[in-house]
């Protein structure tokens, strides 16, 4: 990420906006998983990753691979942008 301004208020607002987006994305994904009665283990198995890796991804500590985001979108019958992109 390149920051082209020296205005610390703008930087602060931008960072907060990104953090808020990440929290909304995490909340959406957790709500979808729970509403479909899926556990962390179910999601991990679906993506062929460890449960620990899935939890870290859902919590925003690590990123999903692009292909994983498409698989998740397909699983829940949602468009990619509805789950993973800022609106």
PDB file of N, CA and C in Angstrom:
ATOM      1  N   UNK A   1       0.846  -1.180   0.000  1.00  0.00           N
ATOM      2  CA  UNK A   1       0.000   0.000   0.000  1.00  0.00           C
ATOM      3  C   UNK A   1       0.883   1.232   0.000  1.00  0.00           C
ATOM      4  N   UNK A   2       0.645   2.118  -0.912  1.00  0.00           N
ATOM      5  CA  UNK A   2       1.405   3.347  -0.994  1.00  0.00           C
ATOM      6  C   UNK A   2       0.575   4.486  -0.435  1.00  0.00           C
ATOM      7  N   UNK A   3       1.183   5.255   0.452  1.00  0.00           N
ATOM      8  CA  UNK A   3       0.486   6.400   1.044  1.00  0.00           C
ATOM      9  C   UNK A   3       1.104   7.662   0.467  1.00  0.00           C
ATOM     10  N   UNK A   4       0.280   8.485  -0.174  1.00  0.00           N
ATOM     11  CA  UNK A   4       0.776   9.674  -0.861  1.00  0.00           C
ATOM     12  C   UNK A   4       0.432  10.961  -0.138  1.00  0.00           C
ATOM     13  N   UNK A   5       0.020  10.872   1.095  1.00  0.00           N
ATOM     14  CA  UNK A   5      -0.367  12.079   1.805  1.00  0.00           C
ATOM     15  C   UNK A   5       0.365  12.147   3.143  1.00  0.00           C
ATOM     16  N   UNK A   6       0.587  13.344   3.605  1.00  0.00           N
ATOM     17  CA  UNK A   6       1.204  13.530   4.909  1.00  0.00           C
ATOM     18  C   UNK A   6       0.152  13.886   5.948  1.00  0.00           C
ATOM     19  N   UNK A   7      -1.093  13.936   5.519  1.00  0.00           N
ATOM     20  CA  UNK A   7      -2.203  14.265   6.408  1.00  0.00           C
ATOM     21  C   UNK A   7      -2.530  13.038   7.254  1.00  0.00           C
ATOM     22  N   UNK A   8      -2.142  13.052   8.519  1.00  0.00           N
ATOM     23  CA  UNK A   8      -2.339  11.883   9.379  1.00  0.00           C
ATOM     24  C   UNK A   8      -3.801  11.557   9.604  1.00  0.00           C
ATOM     25  N   UNK A   9      -4.690  12.555   9.545  1.00  0.00           N
ATOM     26  CA  UNK A   9      -6.114  12.273   9.690  1.00  0.00           C
ATOM     27  C   UNK A   9      -6.621  11.406   8.546  1.00  0.00           C
ATOM     28  N   UNK A  10      -6.180  11.679   7.338  1.00  0.00           N
ATOM     29  CA  UNK A  10      -6.583  10.877   6.178  1.00  0.00           C
ATOM     30  C   UNK A  10      -6.071   9.458   6.299  1.00  0.00           C
ATOM     31  N   UNK A  11      -4.838   9.319   6.744  1.00  0.00           N
ATOM     32  CA  UNK A  11      -4.268   7.991   6.912  1.00  0.00           C
ATOM     33  C   UNK A  11      -5.050   7.227   7.966  1.00  0.00           C
ATOM     34  N   UNK A  12      -5.360   7.884   9.068  1.00  0.00           N
ATOM     35  CA  UNK A  12      -6.118   7.253  10.143  1.00  0.00           C
ATOM     36  C   UNK A  12      -7.486   6.805   9.648  1.00  0.00           C
ATOM     37  N   UNK A  13      -8.179   7.664   8.912  1.00  0.00           N
ATOM     38  CA  UNK A  13      -9.502   7.324   8.401  1.00  0.00           C
ATOM     39  C   UNK A  13      -9.421   6.168   7.411  1.00  0.00           C
ATOM     40  N   UNK A  14      -8.405   6.177   6.577  1.00  0.00           N
ATOM     41  CA  UNK A  14      -8.232   5.102   5.602  1.00  0.00           C
ATOM     42  C   UNK A  14      -7.987   3.775   6.304  1.00  0.00           C
ATOM     43  N   UNK A  15      -7.142   3.779   7.307  1.00  0.00           N
ATOM     44  CA  UNK A  15      -6.856   2.563   8.047  1.00  0.00           C
ATOM     45  C   UNK A  15      -8.111   2.065   8.752  1.00  0.00           C
ATOM     46  N   UNK A  16      -8.874   2.972   9.373  1.00  0.00           N
ATOM     47  CA  UNK A  16     -10.110   2.573  10.042  1.00  0.00           C
ATOM     48  C   UNK A  16     -11.109   2.002   9.050  1.00  0.00           C
ATOM     49  N   UNK A  17     -11.199   2.591   7.873  1.00  0.00           N
ATOM     50  CA  UNK A  17     -12.113   2.108   6.854  1.00  0.00           C
ATOM     51  C   UNK A  17     -11.746   0.688   6.440  1.00  0.00           C
ATOM     52  N   UNK A  18     -10.461   0.418   6.273  1.00  0.00           N
ATOM     53  CA  UNK A  18      -9.993  -0.921   5.900  1.00  0.00           C
ATOM     54  C   UNK A  18     -10.279  -1.907   7.017  1.00  0.00           C
ATOM     55  N   UNK A  19     -10.010  -1.529   8.242  1.00  0.00           N
ATOM     56  CA  UNK A  19     -10.269  -2.407   9.382  1.00  0.00           C
ATOM     57  C   UNK A  19     -11.761  -2.698   9.509  1.00  0.00           C
ATOM     58  N   UNK A  20     -12.581  -1.680   9.298  1.00  0.00           N
ATOM     59  CA  UNK A  20     -14.029  -1.862   9.378  1.00  0.00           C
ATOM     60  C   UNK A  20     -14.495  -2.815   8.274  1.00  0.00           C
ATOM     61  N   UNK A  21     -13.962  -2.649   7.071  1.00  0.00           N
ATOM     62  CA  UNK A  21     -14.314  -3.548   5.967  1.00  0.00           C
ATOM     63  C   UNK A  21     -13.937  -4.988   6.313  1.00  0.00           C
ATOM     64  N   UNK A  22     -12.738  -5.191   6.852  1.00  0.00           N
ATOM     65  CA  UNK A  22     -12.298  -6.536   7.218  1.00  0.00           C
ATOM     66  C   UNK A  22     -13.205  -7.146   8.279  1.00  0.00           C
ATOM     67  N   UNK A  23     -13.611  -6.351   9.250  1.00  0.00           N
ATOM     68  CA  UNK A  23     -14.512  -6.853  10.290  1.00  0.00           C
ATOM     69  C   UNK A  23     -15.875  -7.219   9.707  1.00  0.00           C
ATOM     70  N   UNK A  24     -16.366  -6.404   8.765  1.00  0.00           N
ATOM     71  CA  UNK A  24     -17.652  -6.711   8.135  1.00  0.00           C
ATOM     72  C   UNK A  24     -17.562  -7.998   7.317  1.00  0.00           C
ATOM     73  N   UNK A  25     -16.455  -8.158   6.602  1.00  0.00           N
ATOM     74  CA  UNK A  25     -16.249  -9.363   5.796  1.00  0.00           C
ATOM     75  C   UNK A  25     -16.188 -10.590   6.696  1.00  0.00           C
ATOM     76  N   UNK A  26     -15.460 -10.494   7.795  1.00  0.00           N
ATOM     77  CA  UNK A  26     -15.346 -11.608   8.733  1.00  0.00           C
ATOM     78  C   UNK A  26     -16.707 -11.952   9.323  1.00  0.00           C
ATOM     79  N   UNK A  27     -17.470 -10.931   9.663  1.00  0.00           N
ATOM     80  CA  UNK A  27     -18.795 -11.142  10.251  1.00  0.00           C
ATOM     81  C   UNK A  27     -19.721 -11.810   9.235  1.00  0.00           C
ATOM     82  N   UNK A  28     -19.700 -11.330   7.979  1.00  0.00           N
ATOM     83  CA  UNK A  28     -20.536 -11.928   6.934  1.00  0.00           C
ATOM     84  C   UNK A  28     -20.212 -13.400   6.751  1.00  0.00           C
ATOM     85  N   UNK A  29     -18.936 -13.695   6.671  1.00  0.00           N
ATOM     86  CA  UNK A  29     -18.518 -15.070   6.441  1.00  0.00           C
ATOM     87  C   UNK A  29     -18.903 -15.965   7.617  1.00  0.00           C
ATOM     88  N   UNK A  30     -18.696 -15.514   8.824  1.00  0.00           N
ATOM     89  CA  UNK A  30     -19.075 -16.298  10.006  1.00  0.00           C
ATOM     90  C   UNK A  30     -20.590 -16.508  10.044  1.00  0.00           C
ATOM     91  N   UNK A  31     -21.354 -15.469   9.735  1.00  0.00           N
ATOM     92  CA  UNK A  31     -22.815 -15.599   9.724  1.00  0.00           C
ATOM     93  C   UNK A  31     -23.279 -16.602   8.673  1.00  0.00           C
ATOM     94  N   UNK A  32     -22.670 -16.564   7.500  1.00  0.00           N
ATOM     95  CA  UNK A  32     -23.023 -17.527   6.449  1.00  0.00           C
ATOM     96  C   UNK A  32     -22.702 -18.950   6.887  1.00  0.00           C
ATOM     97  N   UNK A  33     -21.513 -19.122   7.445  1.00  0.00           N
ATOM     98  CA  UNK A  33     -21.090 -20.454   7.890  1.00  0.00           C
ATOM     99  C   UNK A  33     -22.063 -20.995   8.940  1.00  0.00           C
ATOM    100  N   UNK A  34     -22.381 -20.182   9.912  1.00  0.00           N
ATOM    101  CA  UNK A  34     -23.257 -20.603  11.006  1.00  0.00           C
ATOM    102  C   UNK A  34     -24.686 -20.848  10.499  1.00  0.00           C
ATOM    103  N   UNK A  35     -25.175 -19.973   9.625  1.00  0.00           N
ATOM    104  CA  UNK A  35     -26.548 -20.129   9.119  1.00  0.00           C
ATOM    105  C   UNK A  35     -26.705 -21.387   8.265  1.00  0.00           C
ATOM    106  N   UNK A  36     -25.597 -21.892   7.740  1.00  0.00           N
ATOM    107  CA  UNK A  36     -25.627 -23.135   6.963  1.00  0.00           C
ATOM    108  C   UNK A  36     -25.219 -24.340   7.826  1.00  0.00           C
ATOM    109  N   UNK A  37     -25.179 -24.115   9.139  1.00  0.00           N
ATOM    110  CA  UNK A  37     -24.836 -25.173  10.098  1.00  0.00           C
ATOM    111  C   UNK A  37     -23.504 -25.840   9.783  1.00  0.00           C
ATOM    112  N   UNK A  38     -22.518 -25.030   9.416  1.00  0.00           N
ATOM    113  CA  UNK A  38     -21.184 -25.542   9.117  1.00  0.00           C
ATOM    114  C   UNK A  38     -20.218 -25.125  10.218  1.00  0.00           C
ATOM    115  N   UNK A  39     -19.369 -26.019  10.583  1.00  0.00           N
ATOM    116  CA  UNK A  39     -18.352 -25.749  11.603  1.00  0.00           C
ATOM    117  C   UNK A  39     -17.070 -25.264  10.937  1.00  0.00           C
ATOM    118  N   UNK A  40     -16.138 -24.805  11.757  1.00  0.00           N
ATOM    119  CA  UNK A  40     -14.813 -24.474  11.248  1.00  0.00           C
ATOM    120  C   UNK A  40     -14.216 -25.696  10.543  1.00  0.00           C
ATOM    121  N   UNK A  41     -14.404 -26.850  11.160  1.00  0.00           N
ATOM    122  CA  UNK A  41     -13.856 -28.088  10.609  1.00  0.00           C
ATOM    123  C   UNK A  41     -14.455 -28.401   9.242  1.00  0.00           C
ATOM    124  N   UNK A  42     -15.769 -28.189   9.101  1.00  0.00           N
ATOM    125  CA  UNK A  42     -16.428 -28.414   7.808  1.00  0.00           C
ATOM    126  C   UNK A  42     -15.834 -27.519   6.729  1.00  0.00           C
ATOM    127  N   UNK A  43     -15.655 -26.249   7.069  1.00  0.00           N
ATOM    128  CA  UNK A  43     -15.108 -25.301   6.090  1.00  0.00           C
ATOM    129  C   UNK A  43     -13.667 -25.659   5.736  1.00  0.00           C
ATOM    130  N   UNK A  44     -12.901 -26.035   6.731  1.00  0.00           N
ATOM    131  CA  UNK A  44     -11.512 -26.412   6.482  1.00  0.00           C
ATOM    132  C   UNK A  44     -11.441 -27.628   5.561  1.00  0.00           C
ATOM    133  N   UNK A  45     -12.283 -28.596   5.829  1.00  0.00           N
ATOM    134  CA  UNK A  45     -12.303 -29.799   4.996  1.00  0.00           C
ATOM    135  C   UNK A  45     -12.712 -29.435   3.566  1.00  0.00           C
ATOM    136  N   UNK A  46     -13.707 -28.580   3.418  1.00  0.00           N
ATOM    137  CA  UNK A  46     -14.179 -28.152   2.107  1.00  0.00           C
ATOM    138  C   UNK A  46     -13.050 -27.495   1.302  1.00  0.00           C
ATOM    139  N   UNK A  47     -12.220 -26.702   1.991  1.00  0.00           N
ATOM    140  CA  UNK A  47     -11.126 -25.987   1.331  1.00  0.00           C
ATOM    141  C   UNK A  47      -9.824 -26.789   1.298  1.00  0.00           C
ATOM    142  N   UNK A  48      -9.830 -27.962   1.913  1.00  0.00           N
ATOM    143  CA  UNK A  48      -8.632 -28.813   1.996  1.00  0.00           C
ATOM    144  C   UNK A  48      -7.474 -28.107   2.699  1.00  0.00           C
ATOM    145  N   UNK A  49      -7.810 -27.467   3.827  1.00  0.00           N
ATOM    146  CA  UNK A  49      -6.803 -26.828   4.662  1.00  0.00           C
ATOM    147  C   UNK A  49      -7.046 -27.261   6.104  1.00  0.00           C
ATOM    148  N   UNK A  50      -6.123 -26.938   6.985  1.00  0.00           N
ATOM    149  CA  UNK A  50      -6.306 -27.294   8.392  1.00  0.00           C
ATOM    150  C   UNK A  50      -7.371 -26.404   9.026  1.00  0.00           C
ATOM    151  N   UNK A  51      -7.957 -26.910  10.092  1.00  0.00           N
ATOM    152  CA  UNK A  51      -8.955 -26.128  10.818  1.00  0.00           C
ATOM    153  C   UNK A  51      -8.323 -24.840  11.345  1.00  0.00           C
ATOM    154  N   UNK A  52      -7.115 -24.943  11.857  1.00  0.00           N
ATOM    155  CA  UNK A  52      -6.420 -23.767  12.380  1.00  0.00           C
ATOM    156  C   UNK A  52      -6.247 -22.708  11.277  1.00  0.00           C
ATOM    157  N   UNK A  53      -5.880 -23.159  10.079  1.00  0.00           N
ATOM    158  CA  UNK A  53      -5.719 -22.219   8.960  1.00  0.00           C
ATOM    159  C   UNK A  53      -7.035 -21.550   8.612  1.00  0.00           C
ATOM    160  N   UNK A  54      -8.117 -22.333   8.605  1.00  0.00           N
ATOM    161  CA  UNK A  54      -9.411 -21.738   8.271  1.00  0.00           C
ATOM    162  C   UNK A  54      -9.809 -20.686   9.308  1.00  0.00           C
ATOM    163  N   UNK A  55      -9.656 -21.022  10.563  1.00  0.00           N
ATOM    164  CA  UNK A  55     -10.023 -20.076  11.634  1.00  0.00           C
ATOM    165  C   UNK A  55      -9.246 -18.778  11.476  1.00  0.00           C
ATOM    166  N   UNK A  56      -7.947 -18.877  11.221  1.00  0.00           N
ATOM    167  CA  UNK A  56      -7.118 -17.676  11.043  1.00  0.00           C
ATOM    168  C   UNK A  56      -7.599 -16.849   9.845  1.00  0.00           C
ATOM    169  N   UNK A  57      -8.030 -17.523   8.795  1.00  0.00           N
ATOM    170  CA  UNK A  57      -8.523 -16.809   7.613  1.00  0.00           C
ATOM    171  C   UNK A  57      -9.860 -16.139   7.901  1.00  0.00           C
ATOM    172  N   UNK A  58     -10.773 -16.853   8.535  1.00  0.00           N
ATOM    173  CA  UNK A  58     -12.074 -16.256   8.843  1.00  0.00           C
ATOM    174  C   UNK A  58     -11.923 -15.074   9.796  1.00  0.00           C
ATOM    175  N   UNK A  59     -10.965 -15.142  10.688  1.00  0.00           N
ATOM    176  CA  UNK A  59     -10.737 -14.054  11.638  1.00  0.00           C
ATOM    177  C   UNK A  59      -9.930 -12.904  11.033  1.00  0.00           C
ATOM    178  N   UNK A  60      -9.495 -13.064   9.783  1.00  0.00           N
ATOM    179  CA  UNK A  60      -8.753 -12.004   9.112  1.00  0.00           C
ATOM    180  C   UNK A  60      -7.285 -11.935   9.467  1.00  0.00           C
ATOM    181  N   UNK A  61      -6.778 -12.946  10.145  1.00  0.00           N
ATOM    182  CA  UNK A  61      -5.366 -12.947  10.523  1.00  0.00           C
ATOM    183  C   UNK A  61      -4.473 -13.336   9.354  1.00  0.00           C
ATOM    184  N   UNK A  62      -5.012 -14.129   8.433  1.00  0.00           N
ATOM    185  CA  UNK A  62      -4.334 -14.449   7.176  1.00  0.00           C
ATOM    186  C   UNK A  62      -5.364 -14.323   6.058  1.00  0.00           C
ATOM    187  N   UNK A  63      -4.896 -14.251   4.842  1.00  0.00           N
ATOM    188  CA  UNK A  63      -5.786 -14.036   3.703  1.00  0.00           C
ATOM    189  C   UNK A  63      -6.201 -15.345   3.047  1.00  0.00           C
ATOM    190  N   UNK A  64      -7.402 -15.332   2.503  1.00  0.00           N
ATOM    191  CA  UNK A  64      -7.846 -16.445   1.683  1.00  0.00           C
ATOM    192  C   UNK A  64      -7.137 -16.359   0.337  1.00  0.00           C
ATOM    193  N   UNK A  65      -6.844 -17.493  -0.252  1.00  0.00           N
ATOM    194  CA  UNK A  65      -6.356 -17.528  -1.628  1.00  0.00           C
ATOM    195  C   UNK A  65      -7.539 -17.181  -2.516  1.00  0.00           C
ATOM    196  N   UNK A  66      -7.263 -16.629  -3.681  1.00  0.00           N
ATOM    197  CA  UNK A  66      -8.325 -16.218  -4.588  1.00  0.00           C
ATOM    198  C   UNK A  66      -9.258 -17.387  -4.904  1.00  0.00           C
ATOM    199  N   UNK A  67      -8.700 -18.545  -5.198  1.00  0.00           N
ATOM    200  CA  UNK A  67      -9.532 -19.704  -5.527  1.00  0.00           C
ATOM    201  C   UNK A  67     -10.437 -20.093  -4.356  1.00  0.00           C
ATOM    202  N   UNK A  68      -9.936 -19.970  -3.134  1.00  0.00           N
ATOM    203  CA  UNK A  68     -10.750 -20.284  -1.952  1.00  0.00           C
ATOM    204  C   UNK A  68     -11.962 -19.359  -1.856  1.00  0.00           C
ATOM    205  N   UNK A  69     -11.758 -18.089  -2.192  1.00  0.00           N
ATOM    206  CA  UNK A  69     -12.882 -17.149  -2.117  1.00  0.00           C
ATOM    207  C   UNK A  69     -13.967 -17.521  -3.126  1.00  0.00           C
ATOM    208  N   UNK A  70     -13.567 -17.989  -4.300  1.00  0.00           N
ATOM    209  CA  UNK A  70     -14.555 -18.406  -5.297  1.00  0.00           C
ATOM    210  C   UNK A  70     -15.274 -19.675  -4.859  1.00  0.00           C
ATOM    211  N   UNK A  71     -14.554 -20.606  -4.277  1.00  0.00           N
ATOM    212  CA  UNK A  71     -15.183 -21.836  -3.787  1.00  0.00           C
ATOM    213  C   UNK A  71     -16.198 -21.523  -2.687  1.00  0.00           C
ATOM    214  N   UNK A  72     -15.822 -20.624  -1.786  1.00  0.00           N
ATOM    215  CA  UNK A  72     -16.731 -20.243  -0.691  1.00  0.00           C
ATOM    216  C   UNK A  72     -17.981 -19.562  -1.259  1.00  0.00           C
ATOM    217  N   UNK A  73     -17.787 -18.669  -2.208  1.00  0.00           N
ATOM    218  CA  UNK A  73     -18.926 -17.988  -2.841  1.00  0.00           C
ATOM    219  C   UNK A  73     -19.871 -19.005  -3.470  1.00  0.00           C
ATOM    220  N   UNK A  74     -19.309 -19.974  -4.161  1.00  0.00           N
ATOM    221  CA  UNK A  74     -20.115 -21.015  -4.795  1.00  0.00           C
ATOM    222  C   UNK A  74     -20.839 -21.873  -3.753  1.00  0.00           C
ATOM    223  N   UNK A  75     -20.145 -22.216  -2.687  1.00  0.00           N
ATOM    224  CA  UNK A  75     -20.733 -23.026  -1.621  1.00  0.00           C
ATOM    225  C   UNK A  75     -21.993 -22.367  -1.061  1.00  0.00           C
ATOM    226  N   UNK A  76     -21.918 -21.062  -0.827  1.00  0.00           N
ATOM    227  CA  UNK A  76     -23.031 -20.347  -0.219  1.00  0.00           C
ATOM    228  C   UNK A  76     -24.017 -19.768  -1.241  1.00  0.00           C
ATOM    229  N   UNK A  77     -23.738 -19.975  -2.527  1.00  0.00           N
ATOM    230  CA  UNK A  77     -24.641 -19.466  -3.558  1.00  0.00           C
ATOM    231  C   UNK A  77     -24.699 -17.961  -3.597  1.00  0.00           C
ATOM    232  N   UNK A  78     -23.578 -17.335  -3.281  1.00  0.00           N
ATOM    233  CA  UNK A  78     -23.492 -15.870  -3.270  1.00  0.00           C
ATOM    234  C   UNK A  78     -22.454 -15.413  -4.282  1.00  0.00           C
ATOM    235  N   UNK A  79     -22.629 -14.194  -4.741  1.00  0.00           N
ATOM    236  CA  UNK A  79     -21.608 -13.611  -5.607  1.00  0.00           C
ATOM    237  C   UNK A  79     -20.368 -13.318  -4.758  1.00  0.00           C
ATOM    238  N   UNK A  80     -19.232 -13.427  -5.394  1.00  0.00           N
ATOM    239  CA  UNK A  80     -17.950 -13.157  -4.756  1.00  0.00           C
ATOM    240  C   UNK A  80     -17.959 -11.813  -4.035  1.00  0.00           C
ATOM    241  N   UNK A  81     -18.447 -10.785  -4.710  1.00  0.00           N
ATOM    242  CA  UNK A  81     -18.413  -9.431  -4.139  1.00  0.00           C
ATOM    243  C   UNK A  81     -19.323  -9.276  -2.929  1.00  0.00           C
ATOM    244  N   UNK A  82     -20.363 -10.079  -2.833  1.00  0.00           N
ATOM    245  CA  UNK A  82     -21.264  -9.987  -1.683  1.00  0.00           C
ATOM    246  C   UNK A  82     -20.567 -10.412  -0.385  1.00  0.00           C
ATOM    247  N   UNK A  83     -19.585 -11.262  -0.517  1.00  0.00           N
ATOM    248  CA  UNK A  83     -18.896 -11.764   0.672  1.00  0.00           C
ATOM    249  C   UNK A  83     -17.559 -11.062   0.887  1.00  0.00           C
ATOM    250  N   UNK A  84     -16.802 -10.885  -0.186  1.00  0.00           N
ATOM    251  CA  UNK A  84     -15.398 -10.517  -0.033  1.00  0.00           C
ATOM    252  C   UNK A  84     -15.012  -9.099  -0.438  1.00  0.00           C
ATOM    253  N   UNK A  85     -15.883  -8.369  -1.108  1.00  0.00           N
ATOM    254  CA  UNK A  85     -15.505  -7.020  -1.531  1.00  0.00           C
ATOM    255  C   UNK A  85     -16.249  -5.975  -0.733  1.00  0.00           C
ATOM    256  N   UNK A  86     -15.608  -4.837  -0.570  1.00  0.00           N
ATOM    257  CA  UNK A  86     -16.194  -3.732   0.183  1.00  0.00           C
ATOM    258  C   UNK A  86     -17.337  -3.132  -0.615  1.00  0.00           C
ATOM    259  N   UNK A  87     -18.431  -2.872   0.072  1.00  0.00           N
ATOM    260  CA  UNK A  87     -19.591  -2.257  -0.595  1.00  0.00           C
ATOM    261  C   UNK A  87     -19.870  -0.904  -0.021  1.00  0.00           C
TER     262      UNK A  87
END
